[in-house]
Amino acid sequence: MASPQARAAVLALFASAMLSFIDNFVGRVAEEAAIWQFQVVRALIAIPLLLTFGRMTGQALRPANFLNTALRSLSVSVGLLVYFAALGVLPVAQAGAGLFSAPIWVLLLSALLFRARITLFQVLAILAGFAGVLMLLQPDPETLNMLSFLPLIAGLFYGLGMLLTPYLCGDETPVALAIGIFIAIGTISLAMLFYFSLFPVADATFLTGGWVPPTPRFFWLTSFQAAGAVIAVTCIAEAYRIGTPSKVAVFEYSFLIFASIWGFMLWGVMTNALAMIGIAVILISGTALTLRS
């Protein structure tokens, strides 16, 4: 664990395991309130937790460079919110496959924006990992349309945000970066919540609902989500801060592996043979990239 790359890999794996666990309960949150109300309340819970943790550990709470941190926070937040929006019009498989194009965007943008040296081995490892994602998610080609490209936009913005972490925010603390994410998502969600509350939509969905009186179950689920997200977002921010983005990004594929495991353990959802092969491809590509580096 002396190597920064090794620590970054462990942090990324832990964050993916945590996020995939808490995301299993988003469906339960959808039974109580819309995504915008959920995101606003979650941010209001998460930010004080981060402030407390930052003070306890002596980490700087204010960014050293406000503009760079704001740019990174906005990019990641837009990516995540577009992904949630895509879930409203697309099957989860298509939305997920698009979001996990982020490592490919990280690789391309590293070369285009920062002239990073990208080896053929890195390209092959990331493409293999994405192929494993497709085998795991198994999107249906017959249902592809123009909306199917929406998740790719999510992957682009999310990948850009992760890439900006070491290049523009290398001097920031993990807590400051995590606070920036929650402030950005909370601010965008608050604007959307006001809109859908002032101009309600008939037969509102998880994506188009306004404010509703919160129930105790909603507060419990949102608090649970906030605590888990605080831990995961802080870990992934630190992973990208100390590691090479194109290498750390591969380990985020493990989110889908952990999601399959949690799905079986929590809800009894079985994984078929092709998905198991996909999981093996993801593990091999990530391991090979780490050993090579």
Protein backbone atom coordinates (compact mmCIF):
# COMPACT_ATOMS: atom_id res chain seq x y z
CA MET A 1 0.00 0.00 0.00
CA ALA A 2 3.04 2.29 -0.17
CA SER A 3 2.25 3.12 -3.79
CA PRO A 4 -0.21 5.98 -4.39
CA GLN A 5 -1.68 3.95 -7.27
CA ALA A 6 -2.38 1.02 -4.95
CA ARG A 7 -4.04 3.27 -2.37
CA ALA A 8 -6.08 4.93 -5.11
CA ALA A 9 -7.25 1.52 -6.37
CA VAL A 10 -8.36 0.41 -2.89
CA LEU A 11 -10.20 3.70 -2.31
CA ALA A 12 -11.97 3.42 -5.68
CA LEU A 13 -13.01 -0.18 -4.95
CA PHE A 14 -14.31 0.72 -1.50
CA ALA A 15 -16.23 3.73 -2.84
CA SER A 16 -17.80 1.59 -5.57
CA ALA A 17 -18.87 -1.03 -3.03
CA MET A 18 -20.43 1.63 -0.82
CA LEU A 19 -22.23 3.46 -3.64
CA SER A 20 -23.57 0.27 -5.19
CA PHE A 21 -24.99 -0.74 -1.80
CA ILE A 22 -26.81 2.50 -1.04
CA ASP A 23 -28.04 2.85 -4.64
CA ASN A 24 -30.01 -0.35 -4.16
CA PHE A 25 -32.40 1.69 -2.02
CA VAL A 26 -33.01 4.55 -4.48
CA GLY A 27 -36.12 2.71 -5.65
CA ARG A 28 -37.47 2.87 -2.11
CA VAL A 29 -36.80 6.61 -2.02
CA ALA A 30 -38.74 7.00 -5.28
CA GLU A 31 -41.81 5.66 -3.48
CA GLU A 32 -41.65 8.63 -1.12
CA ALA A 33 -40.51 11.70 -3.10
CA ALA A 34 -39.03 12.95 -6.37
CA ILE A 35 -35.31 12.94 -7.13
CA TRP A 36 -34.97 16.72 -6.69
CA GLN A 37 -36.41 16.71 -3.18
CA PHE A 38 -34.25 13.71 -2.36
CA GLN A 39 -31.07 15.38 -3.62
CA VAL A 40 -31.76 18.65 -1.78
CA VAL A 41 -32.45 16.96 1.56
CA ARG A 42 -29.50 14.60 1.10
CA ALA A 43 -27.19 17.58 0.51
CA LEU A 44 -28.53 19.32 3.62
CA ILE A 45 -27.66 16.23 5.65
CA ALA A 46 -24.35 15.43 3.96
CA ILE A 47 -22.73 18.87 4.11
CA PRO A 48 -22.87 19.19 7.94
CA LEU A 49 -21.49 15.64 8.20
CA LEU A 50 -18.59 16.60 5.95
CA LEU A 51 -17.94 19.82 7.88
CA THR A 52 -17.82 17.86 11.14
CA PHE A 53 -15.54 15.20 9.69
CA GLY A 54 -13.26 17.84 8.18
CA ARG A 55 -12.84 19.62 11.50
CA MET A 56 -12.21 16.35 13.35
CA THR A 57 -9.48 15.33 10.90
CA GLY A 58 -7.98 18.80 10.49
CA GLN A 59 -8.69 19.01 6.76
CA ALA A 60 -9.21 22.34 5.02
CA LEU A 61 -12.90 22.94 4.39
CA ARG A 62 -12.52 25.81 1.95
CA PRO A 63 -11.03 25.14 -1.48
CA ALA A 64 -7.59 26.55 -2.20
CA ASN A 65 -8.81 27.51 -5.67
CA PHE A 66 -12.54 28.21 -5.71
CA LEU A 67 -12.90 28.44 -9.48
CA ASN A 68 -11.16 25.13 -10.20
CA THR A 69 -13.13 23.32 -7.51
CA ALA A 70 -16.39 24.83 -8.73
CA LEU A 71 -15.62 23.73 -12.30
CA ARG A 72 -14.87 20.20 -11.17
CA SER A 73 -17.97 20.05 -8.94
CA LEU A 74 -20.23 21.33 -11.71
CA SER A 75 -18.91 18.81 -14.22
CA VAL A 76 -19.36 15.80 -11.93
CA SER A 77 -22.78 17.01 -10.75
CA VAL A 78 -24.08 17.51 -14.29
CA GLY A 79 -22.87 14.04 -15.23
CA LEU A 80 -24.64 12.38 -12.31
CA LEU A 81 -27.88 14.32 -12.76
CA VAL A 82 -27.99 13.62 -16.51
CA TYR A 83 -27.56 9.94 -15.66
CA PHE A 84 -30.56 10.10 -13.32
CA ALA A 85 -32.52 11.94 -16.00
CA ALA A 86 -31.64 9.22 -18.51
CA LEU A 87 -33.14 6.64 -16.18
CA GLY A 88 -36.50 8.35 -16.71
CA VAL A 89 -36.57 7.58 -20.45
CA LEU A 90 -34.22 4.62 -20.91
CA PRO A 91 -33.78 1.13 -19.50
CA VAL A 92 -31.25 0.90 -16.68
CA ALA A 93 -28.96 -1.23 -18.87
CA GLN A 94 -28.60 1.46 -21.54
CA ALA A 95 -28.20 4.28 -19.04
CA GLY A 96 -25.60 2.35 -17.07
CA ALA A 97 -23.60 1.37 -20.14
CA GLY A 98 -23.47 5.02 -21.21
CA LEU A 99 -22.39 6.33 -17.82
CA PHE A 100 -19.59 3.82 -17.62
CA SER A 101 -18.13 5.17 -20.82
CA ALA A 102 -16.48 7.68 -18.44
CA PRO A 103 -13.09 5.86 -18.36
CA ILE A 104 -12.91 6.08 -22.15
CA TRP A 105 -13.64 9.82 -21.99
CA VAL A 106 -10.97 10.17 -19.27
CA LEU A 107 -8.45 8.51 -21.56
CA LEU A 108 -9.34 10.65 -24.57
CA LEU A 109 -9.53 13.93 -22.67
CA SER A 110 -6.22 13.21 -20.91
CA ALA A 111 -4.53 13.16 -24.30
CA LEU A 112 -6.49 16.03 -25.86
CA LEU A 113 -6.54 18.50 -22.98
CA PHE A 114 -3.40 17.69 -21.02
CA ARG A 115 -1.29 15.85 -23.62
CA ALA A 116 -0.91 12.87 -21.33
CA ARG A 117 0.94 9.89 -22.78
CA ILE A 118 -1.53 7.07 -23.35
CA THR A 119 -0.14 3.63 -24.07
CA LEU A 120 -1.72 0.96 -26.26
CA PHE A 121 -1.96 -1.27 -23.20
CA GLN A 122 -4.06 1.33 -21.35
CA VAL A 123 -6.37 1.68 -24.33
CA LEU A 124 -6.87 -2.07 -24.61
CA ALA A 125 -7.44 -2.46 -20.85
CA ILE A 126 -10.09 0.25 -20.71
CA LEU A 127 -11.84 -1.01 -23.85
CA ALA A 128 -11.82 -4.52 -22.39
CA GLY A 129 -13.34 -3.18 -19.17
CA PHE A 130 -16.08 -1.43 -21.11
CA ALA A 131 -16.76 -4.61 -23.09
CA GLY A 132 -17.18 -6.38 -19.76
CA VAL A 133 -19.66 -3.70 -18.72
CA LEU A 134 -21.72 -4.34 -21.85
CA MET A 135 -21.72 -8.07 -21.15
CA LEU A 136 -22.83 -7.41 -17.60
CA LEU A 137 -25.55 -4.90 -18.48
CA GLN A 138 -26.60 -6.54 -21.79
CA PRO A 139 -28.35 -3.54 -23.43
CA ASP A 140 -30.90 -4.40 -26.12
CA PRO A 141 -29.79 -3.05 -29.57
CA GLU A 142 -33.38 -3.06 -30.82
CA THR A 143 -34.38 -0.35 -28.35
CA LEU A 144 -31.50 2.02 -29.19
CA ASN A 145 -32.48 5.51 -30.44
CA MET A 146 -31.30 9.11 -30.21
CA LEU A 147 -32.13 9.20 -26.50
CA SER A 148 -29.72 6.32 -26.03
CA PHE A 149 -26.87 8.81 -26.44
CA LEU A 150 -28.00 10.82 -23.40
CA PRO A 151 -26.06 8.59 -20.96
CA LEU A 152 -22.93 9.13 -23.04
CA ILE A 153 -23.23 12.82 -22.17
CA ALA A 154 -23.39 11.79 -18.51
CA GLY A 155 -20.24 9.72 -18.98
CA LEU A 156 -18.50 12.65 -20.69
CA PHE A 157 -19.20 15.15 -17.88
CA TYR A 158 -18.47 12.63 -15.12
CA GLY A 159 -15.22 11.60 -16.77
CA LEU A 160 -14.22 15.25 -17.27
CA GLY A 161 -14.84 15.96 -13.59
CA MET A 162 -12.70 13.02 -12.50
CA LEU A 163 -9.95 14.09 -14.90
CA LEU A 164 -9.95 17.64 -13.55
CA THR A 165 -9.40 16.34 -10.00
CA PRO A 166 -5.62 15.79 -10.18
CA TYR A 167 -4.89 18.41 -12.84
CA LEU A 168 -6.78 21.34 -11.30
CA CYS A 169 -7.61 20.22 -7.75
CA GLY A 170 -4.52 18.33 -6.67
CA ASP A 171 -4.00 20.67 -3.71
CA GLU A 172 -7.56 20.36 -2.43
CA THR A 173 -8.56 18.12 0.47
CA PRO A 174 -10.98 15.22 -0.12
CA VAL A 175 -13.51 16.88 2.20
CA ALA A 176 -13.43 20.17 0.27
CA LEU A 177 -13.95 18.31 -3.01
CA ALA A 178 -16.83 16.28 -1.58
CA ILE A 179 -18.50 19.41 -0.18
CA GLY A 180 -18.23 20.99 -3.63
CA ILE A 181 -20.09 18.04 -5.19
CA PHE A 182 -22.96 18.18 -2.70
CA ILE A 183 -23.28 21.96 -2.98
CA ALA A 184 -23.43 21.75 -6.78
CA ILE A 185 -25.93 18.88 -6.88
CA GLY A 186 -28.00 20.48 -4.12
CA THR A 187 -28.11 23.86 -5.87
CA ILE A 188 -29.13 22.39 -9.24
CA SER A 189 -31.73 20.15 -7.58
CA LEU A 190 -33.14 23.06 -5.57
CA ALA A 191 -33.75 25.00 -8.78
CA MET A 192 -35.48 21.97 -10.34
CA LEU A 193 -37.52 21.41 -7.19
CA PHE A 194 -38.77 25.02 -7.25
CA TYR A 195 -39.70 24.67 -10.91
CA PHE A 196 -41.70 21.45 -10.55
CA SER A 197 -43.33 22.74 -7.34
CA LEU A 198 -44.43 26.00 -8.99
CA PHE A 199 -45.40 24.29 -12.26
CA PRO A 200 -46.58 20.82 -11.24
CA VAL A 201 -46.75 18.08 -13.86
CA ALA A 202 -49.75 15.82 -14.15
CA ASP A 203 -48.90 12.24 -13.23
CA ALA A 204 -45.50 13.33 -11.91
CA THR A 205 -42.71 10.78 -11.87
CA PHE A 206 -39.49 10.42 -9.90
CA LEU A 207 -37.92 12.96 -12.28
CA THR A 208 -40.79 15.45 -12.59
CA GLY A 209 -42.21 15.61 -9.08
CA GLY A 210 -42.25 18.69 -6.86
CA TRP A 211 -42.15 19.03 -3.09
CA VAL A 212 -44.27 16.61 -1.06
CA PRO A 213 -44.60 16.38 2.75
CA PRO A 214 -41.69 14.17 3.83
CA THR A 215 -42.43 11.01 5.76
CA PRO A 216 -40.28 9.48 8.52
CA ARG A 217 -39.35 6.72 6.05
CA PHE A 218 -38.13 9.31 3.56
CA PHE A 219 -35.94 10.97 6.21
CA TRP A 220 -34.49 7.63 7.29
CA LEU A 221 -33.70 6.50 3.74
CA THR A 222 -32.25 9.89 2.79
CA SER A 223 -30.08 10.04 5.92
CA PHE A 224 -28.81 6.56 5.17
CA GLN A 225 -28.03 7.59 1.60
CA ALA A 226 -26.31 10.79 2.72
CA ALA A 227 -24.01 9.03 5.20
CA GLY A 228 -22.98 6.41 2.65
CA ALA A 229 -22.51 8.99 -0.10
CA VAL A 230 -20.32 11.16 2.17
CA ILE A 231 -17.95 8.25 2.72
CA ALA A 232 -17.94 7.13 -0.91
CA VAL A 233 -17.57 10.56 -2.52
CA THR A 234 -14.72 11.46 -0.17
CA CYS A 235 -12.90 8.21 -0.97
CA ILE A 236 -13.28 8.54 -4.74
CA ALA A 237 -12.14 12.16 -4.63
CA GLU A 238 -8.99 11.11 -2.79
CA ALA A 239 -8.46 8.21 -5.22
CA TYR A 240 -8.47 10.56 -8.23
CA ARG A 241 -6.37 13.13 -6.37
CA ILE A 242 -3.48 10.75 -5.66
CA GLY A 243 -3.85 8.33 -8.59
CA THR A 244 -3.67 8.51 -12.38
CA PRO A 245 -7.22 9.21 -13.63
CA SER A 246 -7.16 6.77 -16.55
CA LYS A 247 -6.08 3.98 -14.18
CA VAL A 248 -8.40 4.82 -11.30
CA ALA A 249 -11.32 5.02 -13.72
CA VAL A 250 -11.03 1.31 -14.56
CA PHE A 251 -11.68 0.40 -10.93
CA GLU A 252 -14.96 2.27 -10.99
CA TYR A 253 -16.24 -0.51 -13.23
CA SER A 254 -16.35 -2.58 -10.04
CA PHE A 255 -19.50 -0.62 -9.16
CA LEU A 256 -21.40 -2.98 -11.46
CA ILE A 257 -19.79 -6.04 -9.93
CA PHE A 258 -20.73 -4.96 -6.42
CA ALA A 259 -24.20 -3.97 -7.63
CA SER A 260 -24.73 -7.54 -8.86
CA ILE A 261 -23.52 -8.95 -5.55
CA TRP A 262 -25.72 -6.63 -3.47
CA GLY A 263 -28.68 -7.28 -5.77
CA PHE A 264 -28.40 -11.00 -5.09
CA MET A 265 -27.78 -10.63 -1.35
CA LEU A 266 -30.55 -8.07 -0.76
CA TRP A 267 -33.21 -8.97 -3.30
CA GLY A 268 -32.26 -12.41 -4.64
CA VAL A 269 -31.59 -11.13 -8.18
CA MET A 270 -29.54 -13.74 -10.06
CA THR A 271 -26.74 -12.99 -12.56
CA ASN A 272 -26.64 -15.01 -15.81
CA ALA A 273 -23.59 -16.64 -17.43
CA LEU A 274 -22.82 -13.78 -19.83
CA ALA A 275 -22.90 -11.31 -16.95
CA MET A 276 -20.49 -13.50 -14.99
CA ILE A 277 -18.09 -13.47 -17.96
CA GLY A 278 -18.41 -9.69 -18.03
CA ILE A 279 -17.50 -9.49 -14.35
CA ALA A 280 -14.41 -11.63 -14.99
CA VAL A 281 -13.35 -9.38 -17.89
CA ILE A 282 -13.74 -6.29 -15.69
CA LEU A 283 -11.63 -7.83 -12.92
CA ILE A 284 -8.92 -8.98 -15.32
CA SER A 285 -8.65 -5.61 -17.08
CA GLY A 286 -8.40 -3.70 -13.81
CA THR A 287 -5.89 -6.09 -12.29
CA ALA A 288 -3.73 -6.16 -15.42
CA LEU A 289 -3.65 -2.38 -15.59
CA THR A 290 -2.54 -2.13 -11.95
CA LEU A 291 0.16 -4.80 -12.25
CA ARG A 292 1.49 -3.24 -15.45
CA SER A 293 1.70 0.19 -13.84
